[in-house]
């Protein structure tokens, strides 16, 4: 995993820390919505790929990956 790609997991973890304390929606869904709205397609592909390959991540981040829209390559 490259340094740049590992930043995606860290950023998603920061989102999880924030959304975990917001009562409006489940944190994994909120993290995924933020990723879907703000991350470039390649970032989303890389993020989901890393989670699928077993990257160490917060449980909310792991759950969020299921809601991330991954565009076709």
PDB file of N, CA and C in Angstrom:
ATOM      1  N   UNK A   1       0.854  -1.172   0.000  1.00  0.00           N
ATOM      2  CA  UNK A   1       0.000   0.000   0.000  1.00  0.00           C
ATOM      3  C   UNK A   1       0.900   1.235   0.000  1.00  0.00           C
ATOM      4  N   UNK A   2       0.652   2.120  -0.915  1.00  0.00           N
ATOM      5  CA  UNK A   2       1.471   3.320  -0.973  1.00  0.00           C
ATOM      6  C   UNK A   2       1.060   4.286   0.121  1.00  0.00           C
ATOM      7  N   UNK A   3       1.941   5.220   0.408  1.00  0.00           N
ATOM      8  CA  UNK A   3       1.656   6.226   1.424  1.00  0.00           C
ATOM      9  C   UNK A   3       0.405   7.025   1.063  1.00  0.00           C
ATOM     10  N   UNK A   4       0.264   7.419  -0.201  1.00  0.00           N
ATOM     11  CA  UNK A   4      -0.898   8.206  -0.610  1.00  0.00           C
ATOM     12  C   UNK A   4      -2.192   7.429  -0.398  1.00  0.00           C
ATOM     13  N   UNK A   5      -2.186   6.161  -0.762  1.00  0.00           N
ATOM     14  CA  UNK A   5      -3.393   5.353  -0.599  1.00  0.00           C
ATOM     15  C   UNK A   5      -3.716   5.129   0.873  1.00  0.00           C
ATOM     16  N   UNK A   6      -2.703   4.976   1.705  1.00  0.00           N
ATOM     17  CA  UNK A   6      -2.969   4.753   3.126  1.00  0.00           C
ATOM     18  C   UNK A   6      -3.619   5.979   3.761  1.00  0.00           C
ATOM     19  N   UNK A   7      -3.411   7.141   3.169  1.00  0.00           N
ATOM     20  CA  UNK A   7      -4.057   8.357   3.677  1.00  0.00           C
ATOM     21  C   UNK A   7      -5.573   8.266   3.555  1.00  0.00           C
ATOM     22  N   UNK A   8      -6.055   7.515   2.582  1.00  0.00           N
ATOM     23  CA  UNK A   8      -7.499   7.374   2.413  1.00  0.00           C
ATOM     24  C   UNK A   8      -8.126   6.708   3.633  1.00  0.00           C
ATOM     25  N   UNK A   9      -7.476   5.684   4.143  1.00  0.00           N
ATOM     26  CA  UNK A   9      -7.978   4.994   5.336  1.00  0.00           C
ATOM     27  C   UNK A   9      -7.944   5.941   6.531  1.00  0.00           C
ATOM     28  N   UNK A  10      -6.873   6.687   6.641  1.00  0.00           N
ATOM     29  CA  UNK A  10      -6.759   7.639   7.758  1.00  0.00           C
ATOM     30  C   UNK A  10      -7.844   8.713   7.673  1.00  0.00           C
ATOM     31  N   UNK A  11      -8.069   9.260   6.471  1.00  0.00           N
ATOM     32  CA  UNK A  11      -9.109  10.281   6.309  1.00  0.00           C
ATOM     33  C   UNK A  11     -10.489   9.705   6.635  1.00  0.00           C
ATOM     34  N   UNK A  12     -10.756   8.496   6.174  1.00  0.00           N
ATOM     35  CA  UNK A  12     -12.042   7.866   6.471  1.00  0.00           C
ATOM     36  C   UNK A  12     -12.189   7.642   7.979  1.00  0.00           C
ATOM     37  N   UNK A  13     -11.095   7.314   8.644  1.00  0.00           N
ATOM     38  CA  UNK A  13     -11.120   7.156  10.097  1.00  0.00           C
ATOM     39  C   UNK A  13     -11.453   8.454  10.811  1.00  0.00           C
ATOM     40  N   UNK A  14     -10.938   9.560  10.302  1.00  0.00           N
ATOM     41  CA  UNK A  14     -11.266  10.865  10.880  1.00  0.00           C
ATOM     42  C   UNK A  14     -12.752  11.169  10.699  1.00  0.00           C
ATOM     43  N   UNK A  15     -13.283  10.815   9.533  1.00  0.00           N
ATOM     44  CA  UNK A  15     -14.721  10.996   9.299  1.00  0.00           C
ATOM     45  C   UNK A  15     -15.519  10.136  10.271  1.00  0.00           C
ATOM     46  N   UNK A  16     -15.082   8.898  10.466  1.00  0.00           N
ATOM     47  CA  UNK A  16     -15.778   7.994  11.391  1.00  0.00           C
ATOM     48  C   UNK A  16     -15.806   8.588  12.794  1.00  0.00           C
ATOM     49  N   UNK A  17     -14.684   9.165  13.225  1.00  0.00           N
ATOM     50  CA  UNK A  17     -14.636   9.796  14.546  1.00  0.00           C
ATOM     51  C   UNK A  17     -15.667  10.910  14.660  1.00  0.00           C
ATOM     52  N   UNK A  18     -15.823  11.686  13.595  1.00  0.00           N
ATOM     53  CA  UNK A  18     -16.790  12.784  13.598  1.00  0.00           C
ATOM     54  C   UNK A  18     -18.228  12.259  13.562  1.00  0.00           C
ATOM     55  N   UNK A  19     -18.526  11.424  12.573  1.00  0.00           N
ATOM     56  CA  UNK A  19     -19.906  10.989  12.365  1.00  0.00           C
ATOM     57  C   UNK A  19     -20.402  10.029  13.440  1.00  0.00           C
ATOM     58  N   UNK A  20     -19.513   9.409  14.163  1.00  0.00           N
ATOM     59  CA  UNK A  20     -19.904   8.509  15.252  1.00  0.00           C
ATOM     60  C   UNK A  20     -20.732   9.261  16.300  1.00  0.00           C
ATOM     61  N   UNK A  21     -20.516  10.558  16.410  1.00  0.00           N
ATOM     62  CA  UNK A  21     -21.176  11.366  17.436  1.00  0.00           C
ATOM     63  C   UNK A  21     -22.319  12.206  16.882  1.00  0.00           C
ATOM     64  N   UNK A  22     -22.713  11.970  15.646  1.00  0.00           N
ATOM     65  CA  UNK A  22     -23.822  12.702  15.037  1.00  0.00           C
ATOM     66  C   UNK A  22     -25.059  11.807  15.053  1.00  0.00           C
ATOM     67  N   UNK A  23     -26.161  12.289  15.583  1.00  0.00           N
ATOM     68  CA  UNK A  23     -27.339  11.429  15.743  1.00  0.00           C
ATOM     69  C   UNK A  23     -28.209  11.262  14.492  1.00  0.00           C
ATOM     70  N   UNK A  24     -27.914  11.977  13.422  1.00  0.00           N
ATOM     71  CA  UNK A  24     -28.814  12.019  12.268  1.00  0.00           C
ATOM     72  C   UNK A  24     -28.915  10.723  11.473  1.00  0.00           C
ATOM     73  N   UNK A  25     -27.822   9.995  11.357  1.00  0.00           N
ATOM     74  CA  UNK A  25     -27.837   8.758  10.565  1.00  0.00           C
ATOM     75  C   UNK A  25     -26.730   7.849  11.057  1.00  0.00           C
ATOM     76  N   UNK A  26     -26.799   6.566  10.709  1.00  0.00           N
ATOM     77  CA  UNK A  26     -25.734   5.646  11.123  1.00  0.00           C
ATOM     78  C   UNK A  26     -24.371   6.138  10.619  1.00  0.00           C
ATOM     79  N   UNK A  27     -23.345   6.046  11.441  1.00  0.00           N
ATOM     80  CA  UNK A  27     -22.046   6.614  11.060  1.00  0.00           C
ATOM     81  C   UNK A  27     -21.457   6.025   9.784  1.00  0.00           C
ATOM     82  N   UNK A  28     -21.614   4.736   9.550  1.00  0.00           N
ATOM     83  CA  UNK A  28     -21.047   4.145   8.331  1.00  0.00           C
ATOM     84  C   UNK A  28     -21.704   4.740   7.088  1.00  0.00           C
ATOM     85  N   UNK A  29     -23.013   4.945   7.146  1.00  0.00           N
ATOM     86  CA  UNK A  29     -23.712   5.545   6.014  1.00  0.00           C
ATOM     87  C   UNK A  29     -23.282   6.994   5.812  1.00  0.00           C
ATOM     88  N   UNK A  30     -23.077   7.720   6.901  1.00  0.00           N
ATOM     89  CA  UNK A  30     -22.648   9.115   6.800  1.00  0.00           C
ATOM     90  C   UNK A  30     -21.240   9.217   6.220  1.00  0.00           C
ATOM     91  N   UNK A  31     -20.345   8.341   6.651  1.00  0.00           N
ATOM     92  CA  UNK A  31     -18.982   8.330   6.095  1.00  0.00           C
ATOM     93  C   UNK A  31     -19.041   8.036   4.603  1.00  0.00           C
ATOM     94  N   UNK A  32     -19.802   7.030   4.222  1.00  0.00           N
ATOM     95  CA  UNK A  32     -19.906   6.672   2.802  1.00  0.00           C
ATOM     96  C   UNK A  32     -20.509   7.809   1.990  1.00  0.00           C
ATOM     97  N   UNK A  33     -21.520   8.471   2.520  1.00  0.00           N
ATOM     98  CA  UNK A  33     -22.134   9.587   1.796  1.00  0.00           C
ATOM     99  C   UNK A  33     -21.114  10.698   1.568  1.00  0.00           C
ATOM    100  N   UNK A  34     -20.318  10.992   2.587  1.00  0.00           N
ATOM    101  CA  UNK A  34     -19.290  12.023   2.436  1.00  0.00           C
ATOM    102  C   UNK A  34     -18.265  11.603   1.383  1.00  0.00           C
ATOM    103  N   UNK A  35     -17.845  10.361   1.425  1.00  0.00           N
ATOM    104  CA  UNK A  35     -16.886   9.854   0.437  1.00  0.00           C
ATOM    105  C   UNK A  35     -17.499   9.922  -0.964  1.00  0.00           C
ATOM    106  N   UNK A  36     -18.736   9.468  -1.115  1.00  0.00           N
ATOM    107  CA  UNK A  36     -19.387   9.486  -2.426  1.00  0.00           C
ATOM    108  C   UNK A  36     -19.524  10.902  -2.981  1.00  0.00           C
ATOM    109  N   UNK A  37     -19.785  11.855  -2.109  1.00  0.00           N
ATOM    110  CA  UNK A  37     -19.992  13.240  -2.549  1.00  0.00           C
ATOM    111  C   UNK A  37     -18.703  14.005  -2.802  1.00  0.00           C
ATOM    112  N   UNK A  38     -17.599  13.589  -2.181  1.00  0.00           N
ATOM    113  CA  UNK A  38     -16.402  14.430  -2.195  1.00  0.00           C
ATOM    114  C   UNK A  38     -15.138  13.792  -2.745  1.00  0.00           C
ATOM    115  N   UNK A  39     -15.087  12.494  -2.846  1.00  0.00           N
ATOM    116  CA  UNK A  39     -13.864  11.843  -3.318  1.00  0.00           C
ATOM    117  C   UNK A  39     -13.957  11.541  -4.805  1.00  0.00           C
ATOM    118  N   UNK A  40     -12.844  11.668  -5.469  1.00  0.00           N
ATOM    119  CA  UNK A  40     -12.749  11.342  -6.892  1.00  0.00           C
ATOM    120  C   UNK A  40     -12.970   9.841  -7.093  1.00  0.00           C
ATOM    121  N   UNK A  41     -13.419   9.456  -8.290  1.00  0.00           N
ATOM    122  CA  UNK A  41     -13.667   8.029  -8.545  1.00  0.00           C
ATOM    123  C   UNK A  41     -12.480   7.120  -8.213  1.00  0.00           C
ATOM    124  N   UNK A  42     -11.275   7.522  -8.570  1.00  0.00           N
ATOM    125  CA  UNK A  42     -10.111   6.671  -8.290  1.00  0.00           C
ATOM    126  C   UNK A  42      -9.877   6.528  -6.793  1.00  0.00           C
ATOM    127  N   UNK A  43     -10.110   7.583  -6.041  1.00  0.00           N
ATOM    128  CA  UNK A  43      -9.965   7.504  -4.587  1.00  0.00           C
ATOM    129  C   UNK A  43     -10.964   6.498  -4.017  1.00  0.00           C
ATOM    130  N   UNK A  44     -12.193   6.533  -4.512  1.00  0.00           N
ATOM    131  CA  UNK A  44     -13.210   5.592  -4.032  1.00  0.00           C
ATOM    132  C   UNK A  44     -12.845   4.161  -4.392  1.00  0.00           C
ATOM    133  N   UNK A  45     -12.360   3.950  -5.607  1.00  0.00           N
ATOM    134  CA  UNK A  45     -11.935   2.600  -6.009  1.00  0.00           C
ATOM    135  C   UNK A  45     -10.805   2.108  -5.115  1.00  0.00           C
ATOM    136  N   UNK A  46      -9.800   2.959  -4.903  1.00  0.00           N
ATOM    137  CA  UNK A  46      -8.656   2.572  -4.071  1.00  0.00           C
ATOM    138  C   UNK A  46      -9.090   2.254  -2.640  1.00  0.00           C
ATOM    139  N   UNK A  47      -9.953   3.093  -2.095  1.00  0.00           N
ATOM    140  CA  UNK A  47     -10.427   2.893  -0.726  1.00  0.00           C
ATOM    141  C   UNK A  47     -11.120   1.532  -0.578  1.00  0.00           C
ATOM    142  N   UNK A  48     -12.075   1.256  -1.446  1.00  0.00           N
ATOM    143  CA  UNK A  48     -12.817  -0.006  -1.358  1.00  0.00           C
ATOM    144  C   UNK A  48     -11.886  -1.190  -1.582  1.00  0.00           C
ATOM    145  N   UNK A  49     -10.963  -1.068  -2.510  1.00  0.00           N
ATOM    146  CA  UNK A  49     -10.003  -2.147  -2.764  1.00  0.00           C
ATOM    147  C   UNK A  49      -9.169  -2.434  -1.519  1.00  0.00           C
ATOM    148  N   UNK A  50      -8.691  -1.384  -0.858  1.00  0.00           N
ATOM    149  CA  UNK A  50      -7.879  -1.589   0.345  1.00  0.00           C
ATOM    150  C   UNK A  50      -8.678  -2.279   1.449  1.00  0.00           C
ATOM    151  N   UNK A  51      -9.927  -1.870   1.627  1.00  0.00           N
ATOM    152  CA  UNK A  51     -10.766  -2.508   2.646  1.00  0.00           C
ATOM    153  C   UNK A  51     -10.984  -3.976   2.292  1.00  0.00           C
ATOM    154  N   UNK A  52     -11.274  -4.251   1.037  1.00  0.00           N
ATOM    155  CA  UNK A  52     -11.494  -5.643   0.609  1.00  0.00           C
ATOM    156  C   UNK A  52     -10.245  -6.498   0.797  1.00  0.00           C
ATOM    157  N   UNK A  53      -9.072  -5.873   0.701  1.00  0.00           N
ATOM    158  CA  UNK A  53      -7.815  -6.600   0.876  1.00  0.00           C
ATOM    159  C   UNK A  53      -7.415  -6.719   2.343  1.00  0.00           C
ATOM    160  N   UNK A  54      -8.247  -6.199   3.237  1.00  0.00           N
ATOM    161  CA  UNK A  54      -7.998  -6.393   4.658  1.00  0.00           C
ATOM    162  C   UNK A  54      -7.212  -5.305   5.356  1.00  0.00           C
ATOM    163  N   UNK A  55      -7.193  -4.105   4.794  1.00  0.00           N
ATOM    164  CA  UNK A  55      -6.482  -2.999   5.448  1.00  0.00           C
ATOM    165  C   UNK A  55      -7.034  -2.787   6.858  1.00  0.00           C
ATOM    166  N   UNK A  56      -6.145  -2.504   7.780  1.00  0.00           N
ATOM    167  CA  UNK A  56      -6.563  -2.211   9.150  1.00  0.00           C
ATOM    168  C   UNK A  56      -7.346  -0.904   9.146  1.00  0.00           C
ATOM    169  N   UNK A  57      -8.548  -0.944   9.711  1.00  0.00           N
ATOM    170  CA  UNK A  57      -9.397   0.245   9.711  1.00  0.00           C
ATOM    171  C   UNK A  57     -10.414   0.153  10.838  1.00  0.00           C
ATOM    172  N   UNK A  58     -10.883   1.304  11.248  1.00  0.00           N
ATOM    173  CA  UNK A  58     -11.961   1.429  12.219  1.00  0.00           C
ATOM    174  C   UNK A  58     -13.167   0.612  11.720  1.00  0.00           C
ATOM    175  N   UNK A  59     -13.898  -0.041  12.607  1.00  0.00           N
ATOM    176  CA  UNK A  59     -15.070  -0.809  12.166  1.00  0.00           C
ATOM    177  C   UNK A  59     -16.098   0.025  11.390  1.00  0.00           C
ATOM    178  N   UNK A  60     -16.257   1.279  11.745  1.00  0.00           N
ATOM    179  CA  UNK A  60     -17.180   2.150  11.002  1.00  0.00           C
ATOM    180  C   UNK A  60     -16.684   2.333   9.574  1.00  0.00           C
ATOM    181  N   UNK A  61     -15.380   2.483   9.401  1.00  0.00           N
ATOM    182  CA  UNK A  61     -14.785   2.637   8.071  1.00  0.00           C
ATOM    183  C   UNK A  61     -15.000   1.364   7.262  1.00  0.00           C
ATOM    184  N   UNK A  62     -14.792   0.216   7.885  1.00  0.00           N
ATOM    185  CA  UNK A  62     -15.004  -1.057   7.180  1.00  0.00           C
ATOM    186  C   UNK A  62     -16.459  -1.179   6.731  1.00  0.00           C
ATOM    187  N   UNK A  63     -17.381  -0.823   7.613  1.00  0.00           N
ATOM    188  CA  UNK A  63     -18.801  -0.893   7.268  1.00  0.00           C
ATOM    189  C   UNK A  63     -19.164   0.115   6.179  1.00  0.00           C
ATOM    190  N   UNK A  64     -18.533   1.271   6.200  1.00  0.00           N
ATOM    191  CA  UNK A  64     -18.823   2.317   5.209  1.00  0.00           C
ATOM    192  C   UNK A  64     -18.498   1.859   3.794  1.00  0.00           C
ATOM    193  N   UNK A  65     -17.489   1.033   3.649  1.00  0.00           N
ATOM    194  CA  UNK A  65     -17.069   0.591   2.316  1.00  0.00           C
ATOM    195  C   UNK A  65     -18.219  -0.057   1.547  1.00  0.00           C
ATOM    196  N   UNK A  66     -19.135  -0.698   2.251  1.00  0.00           N
ATOM    197  CA  UNK A  66     -20.273  -1.350   1.586  1.00  0.00           C
ATOM    198  C   UNK A  66     -21.221  -0.347   0.939  1.00  0.00           C
ATOM    199  N   UNK A  67     -21.185   0.894   1.389  1.00  0.00           N
ATOM    200  CA  UNK A  67     -22.083   1.927   0.871  1.00  0.00           C
ATOM    201  C   UNK A  67     -21.413   2.861  -0.140  1.00  0.00           C
ATOM    202  N   UNK A  68     -20.117   2.700  -0.341  1.00  0.00           N
ATOM    203  CA  UNK A  68     -19.389   3.574  -1.274  1.00  0.00           C
ATOM    204  C   UNK A  68     -19.693   3.142  -2.705  1.00  0.00           C
ATOM    205  N   UNK A  69     -20.057   4.117  -3.527  1.00  0.00           N
ATOM    206  CA  UNK A  69     -20.310   3.851  -4.947  1.00  0.00           C
ATOM    207  C   UNK A  69     -18.973   3.787  -5.674  1.00  0.00           C
ATOM    208  N   UNK A  70     -18.692   2.631  -6.246  1.00  0.00           N
ATOM    209  CA  UNK A  70     -17.435   2.437  -6.972  1.00  0.00           C
ATOM    210  C   UNK A  70     -17.741   2.491  -8.466  1.00  0.00           C
ATOM    211  N   UNK A  71     -17.264   3.535  -9.150  1.00  0.00           N
ATOM    212  CA  UNK A  71     -17.517   3.636 -10.585  1.00  0.00           C
ATOM    213  C   UNK A  71     -16.731   2.587 -11.363  1.00  0.00           C
ATOM    214  N   UNK A  72     -17.245   2.223 -12.497  1.00  0.00           N
ATOM    215  CA  UNK A  72     -16.532   1.275 -13.359  1.00  0.00           C
ATOM    216  C   UNK A  72     -15.208   1.882 -13.789  1.00  0.00           C
ATOM    217  N   UNK A  73     -14.218   1.034 -13.919  1.00  0.00           N
ATOM    218  CA  UNK A  73     -12.876   1.507 -14.296  1.00  0.00           C
ATOM    219  C   UNK A  73     -12.834   1.966 -15.732  1.00  0.00           C
TER     220      UNK A  73
END
